[in-house]
Amino acid sequence: MKTVRWMLILGMMLTTWPTLAATDNGAIAHDNYGYYGLEPEIVTNYISPRKRLGYVRVSVELMLKDADTVEQVEHHAPLIRATIVEILGQQPEEKIKSLSGREEIRRDCFETVNALLTQEVGQPLVANLLFTRYLYD
């Protein structure tokens, strides 16, 4: 578990540092990434073969392609939240509890959120979707 935590921290550090790129005229251009955290955390049940319900608790951060789109994402936050809750609620216990399953769920959430934002605003706004906390029972 500690290894996964360190890998997650390292991955977050690498994706959050602004990258520098040289342009044609030699100037340095900065990426204009922004972040939007869905608050409060998402807590929902998932499909479990046991007699009691299983639940998953997830903190979600959206890495935006452009920091200037934060208002648009904030406006659509209820739709984004409902979509993620729906995706999590449809997952079987094995997928919720495995690392590869968690990554599949994250990727599915990312692709679905971008597809919805494309429908709503005409372009995908999210560069990445991060689970910063992921607890289950």
Protein backbone atom coordinates (compact mmCIF):
# COMPACT_ATOMS: atom_id res chain seq x y z
CA MET A 1 0.00 0.00 0.00
CA LYS A 2 2.89 2.36 0.78
CA THR A 3 4.38 1.72 -2.65
CA VAL A 4 1.10 2.65 -4.32
CA ARG A 5 0.87 5.80 -2.21
CA TRP A 6 4.40 6.85 -3.18
CA MET A 7 3.75 6.10 -6.83
CA LEU A 8 0.59 8.22 -6.69
CA ILE A 9 2.44 11.10 -5.01
CA LEU A 10 5.27 10.89 -7.54
CA GLY A 11 2.80 10.78 -10.44
CA MET A 12 0.92 13.80 -9.08
CA MET A 13 4.17 15.74 -8.64
CA LEU A 14 5.24 14.99 -12.19
CA THR A 15 1.89 16.01 -13.68
CA THR A 16 1.48 19.17 -11.61
CA TRP A 17 4.83 20.81 -12.32
CA PRO A 18 4.47 23.23 -15.20
CA THR A 19 6.35 22.00 -18.21
CA LEU A 20 8.39 24.33 -20.33
CA ALA A 21 8.51 24.05 -24.10
CA ALA A 22 10.60 25.97 -26.59
CA THR A 23 8.67 27.71 -29.35
CA ASP A 24 9.89 28.37 -32.89
CA ASN A 25 11.38 31.75 -31.99
CA GLY A 26 13.28 30.32 -29.00
CA ALA A 27 10.99 31.79 -26.36
CA ILE A 28 9.74 29.63 -23.52
CA ALA A 29 6.00 28.90 -23.37
CA HIS A 30 4.27 27.80 -20.16
CA ASP A 31 1.35 25.40 -20.03
CA ASN A 32 -1.75 26.99 -18.56
CA TYR A 33 -3.11 23.98 -16.69
CA GLY A 34 -5.70 24.51 -14.01
CA TYR A 35 -7.22 22.29 -11.37
CA TYR A 36 -10.74 21.87 -10.09
CA GLY A 37 -11.57 19.66 -7.12
CA LEU A 38 -15.02 18.16 -6.76
CA GLU A 39 -16.19 18.94 -3.24
CA PRO A 40 -17.36 17.18 -1.14
CA GLU A 41 -15.85 13.76 -1.70
CA ILE A 42 -17.93 11.26 -3.63
CA VAL A 43 -19.33 8.42 -1.52
CA THR A 44 -21.47 5.77 -3.20
CA ASN A 45 -22.33 2.09 -3.06
CA TYR A 46 -21.05 -0.47 -5.55
CA ILE A 47 -22.19 -3.92 -6.63
CA SER A 48 -21.27 -6.47 -3.97
CA PRO A 49 -22.13 -10.18 -3.72
CA ARG A 50 -22.02 -9.91 0.08
CA LYS A 51 -25.15 -9.41 2.17
CA ARG A 52 -24.11 -5.91 3.21
CA LEU A 53 -23.52 -3.04 0.82
CA GLY A 54 -20.02 -2.09 -0.20
CA TYR A 55 -19.09 1.55 -0.55
CA VAL A 56 -16.35 3.58 -2.17
CA ARG A 57 -15.19 7.05 -1.12
CA VAL A 58 -13.29 9.04 -3.75
CA SER A 59 -11.77 12.51 -3.94
CA VAL A 60 -11.61 13.71 -7.54
CA GLU A 61 -9.40 16.43 -9.01
CA LEU A 62 -9.81 17.52 -12.61
CA MET A 63 -6.69 18.74 -14.40
CA LEU A 64 -7.94 21.28 -16.92
CA LYS A 65 -6.27 21.95 -20.25
CA ASP A 66 -6.69 25.68 -19.66
CA ALA A 67 -7.03 27.39 -16.27
CA ASP A 68 -9.42 29.90 -17.87
CA THR A 69 -12.07 27.18 -18.23
CA VAL A 70 -12.52 26.68 -14.47
CA GLU A 71 -15.82 28.60 -14.49
CA GLN A 72 -17.24 26.39 -17.25
CA VAL A 73 -16.22 23.23 -15.39
CA GLU A 74 -17.62 24.61 -12.13
CA HIS A 75 -20.92 25.33 -13.88
CA HIS A 76 -21.11 21.69 -15.03
CA ALA A 77 -19.83 20.19 -11.74
CA PRO A 78 -23.21 18.62 -10.80
CA LEU A 79 -23.30 16.78 -14.14
CA ILE A 80 -19.69 15.66 -13.71
CA ARG A 81 -20.36 14.46 -10.15
CA ALA A 82 -23.51 12.55 -11.16
CA THR A 83 -21.63 10.87 -14.00
CA ILE A 84 -18.81 9.71 -11.73
CA VAL A 85 -21.29 8.45 -9.10
CA GLU A 86 -23.13 6.49 -11.80
CA ILE A 87 -19.92 4.94 -13.14
CA LEU A 88 -18.71 3.95 -9.66
CA GLY A 89 -22.10 2.52 -8.71
CA GLN A 90 -22.08 0.17 -11.71
CA GLN A 91 -18.72 -1.42 -10.89
CA PRO A 92 -18.36 -4.89 -9.37
CA GLU A 93 -16.48 -5.37 -6.10
CA GLU A 94 -13.47 -7.03 -7.76
CA LYS A 95 -12.92 -4.03 -10.01
CA ILE A 96 -13.30 -1.50 -7.16
CA LYS A 97 -10.74 -3.34 -5.04
CA SER A 98 -8.04 -4.02 -7.65
CA LEU A 99 -5.39 -1.55 -8.80
CA SER A 100 -5.95 -2.33 -12.48
CA GLY A 101 -9.71 -2.01 -11.97
CA ARG A 102 -9.26 1.35 -10.26
CA GLU A 103 -7.24 2.59 -13.24
CA GLU A 104 -9.92 1.34 -15.66
CA ILE A 105 -12.58 3.17 -13.63
CA ARG A 106 -10.49 6.37 -13.59
CA ARG A 107 -9.97 6.17 -17.35
CA ASP A 108 -13.68 5.52 -17.93
CA CYS A 109 -14.58 8.52 -15.75
CA PHE A 110 -12.08 10.70 -17.62
CA GLU A 111 -13.35 9.71 -21.07
CA THR A 112 -17.02 10.03 -20.09
CA VAL A 113 -16.54 13.43 -18.43
CA ASN A 114 -14.70 14.76 -21.49
CA ALA A 115 -17.42 13.40 -23.80
CA LEU A 116 -20.09 15.16 -21.71
CA LEU A 117 -18.16 18.42 -21.65
CA THR A 118 -17.73 18.20 -25.41
CA GLN A 119 -21.52 17.86 -25.74
CA GLU A 120 -22.13 20.78 -23.37
CA VAL A 121 -19.43 23.30 -24.33
CA GLY A 122 -18.17 22.05 -27.68
CA GLN A 123 -14.72 20.87 -26.62
CA PRO A 124 -13.07 18.54 -24.10
CA LEU A 125 -11.80 20.65 -21.18
CA VAL A 126 -10.16 18.00 -18.98
CA ALA A 127 -6.53 16.98 -19.52
CA ASN A 128 -6.60 14.36 -16.76
CA LEU A 129 -8.84 13.09 -13.98
CA LEU A 130 -7.13 12.14 -10.72
CA PHE A 131 -8.37 10.10 -7.78
CA THR A 132 -6.53 11.77 -4.89
CA ARG A 133 -8.24 9.62 -2.26
CA TYR A 134 -9.71 6.20 -2.90
CA LEU A 135 -11.15 4.21 0.00
CA TYR A 136 -13.48 1.24 -0.11
CA ASP A 137 -15.14 -1.28 2.15
